[in-house]
Amino acid sequence: MKSWIPGVVGLGILLLFIGVVYGVYAEDQDAMETASAVEDVGVFLTGIGLILGALVDEGEDKIVRLGMLIAAALIIGLIW
């Protein structure tokens, strides 16, 4: 596995988590918009990391790469 794939996906999941938690405790509209933006960046990084990782990393098994593509599609489709 390429070393940047878990880093990008992990950063995306962390930003997604921070955006959700910040959105729960937001009190005004500006804070809600900021939380939504952070959450969207997290979804983007997670999805792009999984998609590019599945396409670039030829050392992984075909089933693992397919799972990465399916996970990216689910994350982008259900959360974004």
N, C-alpha and C. Protein backbone atom coordinates (compact mmCIF):
# COMPACT_ATOMS: atom_id res chain seq x y z
N MET A 1 0.85 -1.17 0.00
CA MET A 1 0.00 0.00 0.00
C MET A 1 0.89 1.24 0.00
N LYS A 2 0.55 2.16 -0.84
CA LYS A 2 1.30 3.41 -0.90
C LYS A 2 1.15 4.13 0.44
N SER A 3 2.18 4.83 0.84
CA SER A 3 2.18 5.42 2.18
C SER A 3 1.24 6.62 2.31
N TRP A 4 0.85 7.24 1.22
CA TRP A 4 0.01 8.43 1.31
C TRP A 4 -1.48 8.08 1.39
N ILE A 5 -1.86 6.88 1.01
CA ILE A 5 -3.28 6.51 0.98
C ILE A 5 -3.90 6.53 2.38
N PRO A 6 -3.32 5.84 3.37
CA PRO A 6 -3.93 5.90 4.71
C PRO A 6 -3.87 7.29 5.32
N GLY A 7 -2.86 8.06 4.97
CA GLY A 7 -2.76 9.42 5.50
C GLY A 7 -3.88 10.31 5.01
N VAL A 8 -4.15 10.26 3.71
CA VAL A 8 -5.22 11.10 3.14
C VAL A 8 -6.58 10.64 3.64
N VAL A 9 -6.81 9.34 3.66
CA VAL A 9 -8.09 8.82 4.12
C VAL A 9 -8.28 9.11 5.61
N GLY A 10 -7.23 8.93 6.39
CA GLY A 10 -7.31 9.22 7.83
C GLY A 10 -7.57 10.69 8.11
N LEU A 11 -6.90 11.57 7.37
CA LEU A 11 -7.14 13.01 7.53
C LEU A 11 -8.57 13.36 7.15
N GLY A 12 -9.07 12.75 6.09
CA GLY A 12 -10.44 13.01 5.68
C GLY A 12 -11.45 12.55 6.72
N ILE A 13 -11.23 11.38 7.30
CA ILE A 13 -12.13 10.89 8.35
C ILE A 13 -12.06 11.78 9.58
N LEU A 14 -10.86 12.24 9.92
CA LEU A 14 -10.71 13.14 11.07
C LEU A 14 -11.45 14.45 10.83
N LEU A 15 -11.31 15.03 9.64
CA LEU A 15 -12.03 16.27 9.34
C LEU A 15 -13.54 16.05 9.31
N LEU A 16 -13.96 14.92 8.82
CA LEU A 16 -15.38 14.58 8.82
C LEU A 16 -15.91 14.52 10.24
N PHE A 17 -15.17 13.88 11.12
CA PHE A 17 -15.56 13.77 12.53
C PHE A 17 -15.59 15.14 13.20
N ILE A 18 -14.57 15.95 12.95
CA ILE A 18 -14.52 17.29 13.55
C ILE A 18 -15.69 18.13 13.07
N GLY A 19 -16.01 18.05 11.78
CA GLY A 19 -17.13 18.82 11.24
C GLY A 19 -18.46 18.41 11.85
N VAL A 20 -18.66 17.12 12.06
CA VAL A 20 -19.91 16.64 12.65
C VAL A 20 -20.02 17.08 14.10
N VAL A 21 -18.94 16.91 14.86
CA VAL A 21 -18.97 17.29 16.28
C VAL A 21 -19.14 18.81 16.42
N TYR A 22 -18.44 19.57 15.60
CA TYR A 22 -18.55 21.03 15.66
C TYR A 22 -19.96 21.47 15.26
N GLY A 23 -20.57 20.77 14.32
CA GLY A 23 -21.93 21.11 13.90
C GLY A 23 -22.96 20.83 14.98
N VAL A 24 -22.72 19.83 15.81
CA VAL A 24 -23.66 19.52 16.88
C VAL A 24 -23.70 20.65 17.91
N TYR A 25 -22.54 21.22 18.20
CA TYR A 25 -22.46 22.25 19.22
C TYR A 25 -22.49 23.67 18.66
N ALA A 26 -22.72 23.83 17.37
CA ALA A 26 -22.77 25.16 16.77
C ALA A 26 -24.05 25.87 17.19
N GLU A 27 -23.92 27.17 17.47
CA GLU A 27 -25.07 27.92 17.95
C GLU A 27 -25.60 28.93 16.95
N ASP A 28 -24.80 29.36 16.00
CA ASP A 28 -25.29 30.33 15.02
C ASP A 28 -25.06 29.80 13.60
N GLN A 29 -25.55 30.55 12.64
CA GLN A 29 -25.51 30.10 11.25
C GLN A 29 -24.09 30.03 10.70
N ASP A 30 -23.24 30.98 11.09
CA ASP A 30 -21.85 30.96 10.60
C ASP A 30 -21.11 29.71 11.07
N ALA A 31 -21.35 29.31 12.30
CA ALA A 31 -20.71 28.10 12.82
C ALA A 31 -21.23 26.86 12.09
N MET A 32 -22.51 26.85 11.76
CA MET A 32 -23.07 25.71 11.01
C MET A 32 -22.46 25.62 9.61
N GLU A 33 -22.27 26.77 8.97
CA GLU A 33 -21.67 26.77 7.64
C GLU A 33 -20.21 26.32 7.69
N THR A 34 -19.50 26.74 8.72
CA THR A 34 -18.11 26.31 8.89
C THR A 34 -18.05 24.80 9.12
N ALA A 35 -18.93 24.29 9.96
CA ALA A 35 -18.96 22.85 10.23
C ALA A 35 -19.28 22.07 8.96
N SER A 36 -20.21 22.59 8.18
CA SER A 36 -20.57 21.93 6.92
C SER A 36 -19.40 21.93 5.94
N ALA A 37 -18.66 23.04 5.89
CA ALA A 37 -17.51 23.12 4.99
C ALA A 37 -16.41 22.14 5.41
N VAL A 38 -16.15 22.05 6.72
CA VAL A 38 -15.13 21.12 7.21
C VAL A 38 -15.55 19.68 6.93
N GLU A 39 -16.83 19.40 7.12
CA GLU A 39 -17.34 18.05 6.84
C GLU A 39 -17.23 17.72 5.35
N ASP A 40 -17.53 18.68 4.49
CA ASP A 40 -17.43 18.45 3.05
C ASP A 40 -15.99 18.20 2.61
N VAL A 41 -15.05 18.94 3.20
CA VAL A 41 -13.63 18.71 2.87
C VAL A 41 -13.21 17.31 3.33
N GLY A 42 -13.70 16.89 4.48
CA GLY A 42 -13.39 15.54 4.97
C GLY A 42 -13.93 14.46 4.05
N VAL A 43 -15.16 14.63 3.59
CA VAL A 43 -15.74 13.66 2.66
C VAL A 43 -14.96 13.65 1.35
N PHE A 44 -14.59 14.83 0.88
CA PHE A 44 -13.82 14.92 -0.36
C PHE A 44 -12.48 14.20 -0.24
N LEU A 45 -11.75 14.48 0.84
CA LEU A 45 -10.44 13.84 1.01
C LEU A 45 -10.56 12.33 1.17
N THR A 46 -11.56 11.89 1.93
CA THR A 46 -11.74 10.45 2.11
C THR A 46 -12.08 9.77 0.80
N GLY A 47 -13.03 10.33 0.07
CA GLY A 47 -13.43 9.74 -1.21
C GLY A 47 -12.33 9.74 -2.24
N ILE A 48 -11.66 10.87 -2.39
CA ILE A 48 -10.58 10.97 -3.37
C ILE A 48 -9.42 10.07 -2.98
N GLY A 49 -9.11 10.00 -1.69
CA GLY A 49 -8.03 9.12 -1.25
C GLY A 49 -8.32 7.67 -1.55
N LEU A 50 -9.56 7.25 -1.32
CA LEU A 50 -9.91 5.85 -1.61
C LEU A 50 -9.94 5.58 -3.11
N ILE A 51 -10.50 6.49 -3.87
CA ILE A 51 -10.58 6.29 -5.33
C ILE A 51 -9.20 6.25 -5.96
N LEU A 52 -8.39 7.27 -5.66
CA LEU A 52 -7.05 7.30 -6.25
C LEU A 52 -6.18 6.15 -5.73
N GLY A 53 -6.37 5.80 -4.46
CA GLY A 53 -5.63 4.67 -3.92
C GLY A 53 -5.97 3.37 -4.62
N ALA A 54 -7.25 3.19 -4.93
CA ALA A 54 -7.66 1.97 -5.63
C ALA A 54 -7.15 1.95 -7.06
N LEU A 55 -7.07 3.10 -7.69
CA LEU A 55 -6.62 3.14 -9.08
C LEU A 55 -5.10 3.08 -9.21
N VAL A 56 -4.37 3.63 -8.24
CA VAL A 56 -2.92 3.73 -8.36
C VAL A 56 -2.19 2.53 -7.77
N ASP A 57 -2.68 2.01 -6.66
CA ASP A 57 -1.96 0.96 -5.93
C ASP A 57 -2.20 -0.40 -6.59
N GLU A 58 -1.28 -0.79 -7.44
CA GLU A 58 -1.42 -2.05 -8.17
C GLU A 58 -0.94 -3.25 -7.35
N GLY A 59 -0.34 -3.01 -6.20
CA GLY A 59 0.14 -4.09 -5.36
C GLY A 59 -0.96 -4.77 -4.56
N GLU A 60 -2.10 -4.13 -4.46
CA GLU A 60 -3.22 -4.70 -3.71
C GLU A 60 -3.99 -5.70 -4.57
N ASP A 61 -4.71 -6.57 -3.89
CA ASP A 61 -5.55 -7.55 -4.57
C ASP A 61 -6.72 -6.84 -5.25
N LYS A 62 -7.28 -7.47 -6.27
CA LYS A 62 -8.40 -6.86 -7.00
C LYS A 62 -9.62 -6.66 -6.10
N ILE A 63 -9.85 -7.58 -5.19
CA ILE A 63 -11.01 -7.48 -4.31
C ILE A 63 -10.86 -6.31 -3.34
N VAL A 64 -9.65 -6.09 -2.85
CA VAL A 64 -9.39 -4.96 -1.94
C VAL A 64 -9.60 -3.64 -2.69
N ARG A 65 -9.12 -3.58 -3.90
CA ARG A 65 -9.28 -2.36 -4.70
C ARG A 65 -10.75 -2.11 -5.01
N LEU A 66 -11.50 -3.16 -5.30
CA LEU A 66 -12.94 -3.02 -5.53
C LEU A 66 -13.63 -2.53 -4.26
N GLY A 67 -13.22 -3.06 -3.12
CA GLY A 67 -13.79 -2.62 -1.85
C GLY A 67 -13.50 -1.15 -1.58
N MET A 68 -12.31 -0.70 -1.95
CA MET A 68 -11.98 0.72 -1.78
C MET A 68 -12.87 1.59 -2.66
N LEU A 69 -13.12 1.16 -3.88
CA LEU A 69 -14.00 1.93 -4.77
C LEU A 69 -15.44 1.95 -4.26
N ILE A 70 -15.91 0.82 -3.77
CA ILE A 70 -17.28 0.76 -3.23
C ILE A 70 -17.39 1.63 -1.98
N ALA A 71 -16.38 1.59 -1.11
CA ALA A 71 -16.40 2.42 0.09
C ALA A 71 -16.40 3.90 -0.27
N ALA A 72 -15.61 4.28 -1.26
CA ALA A 72 -15.58 5.68 -1.69
C ALA A 72 -16.93 6.10 -2.25
N ALA A 73 -17.55 5.23 -3.04
CA ALA A 73 -18.86 5.56 -3.60
C ALA A 73 -19.91 5.71 -2.51
N LEU A 74 -19.87 4.84 -1.51
CA LEU A 74 -20.83 4.94 -0.41
C LEU A 74 -20.61 6.20 0.42
N ILE A 75 -19.36 6.52 0.71
CA ILE A 75 -19.07 7.71 1.51
C ILE A 75 -19.51 8.97 0.76
N ILE A 76 -19.15 9.06 -0.50
CA ILE A 76 -19.52 10.25 -1.27
C ILE A 76 -21.03 10.30 -1.48
N GLY A 77 -21.64 9.17 -1.78
CA GLY A 77 -23.07 9.16 -2.08
C GLY A 77 -23.96 9.36 -0.88
N LEU A 78 -23.59 8.81 0.27
CA LEU A 78 -24.48 8.88 1.42
C LEU A 78 -24.22 10.08 2.33
N ILE A 79 -23.01 10.57 2.37
CA ILE A 79 -22.70 11.65 3.31
C ILE A 79 -22.71 13.01 2.63
N TRP A 80 -22.22 13.08 1.40
CA TRP A 80 -22.08 14.38 0.77
C TRP A 80 -23.41 14.82 0.32
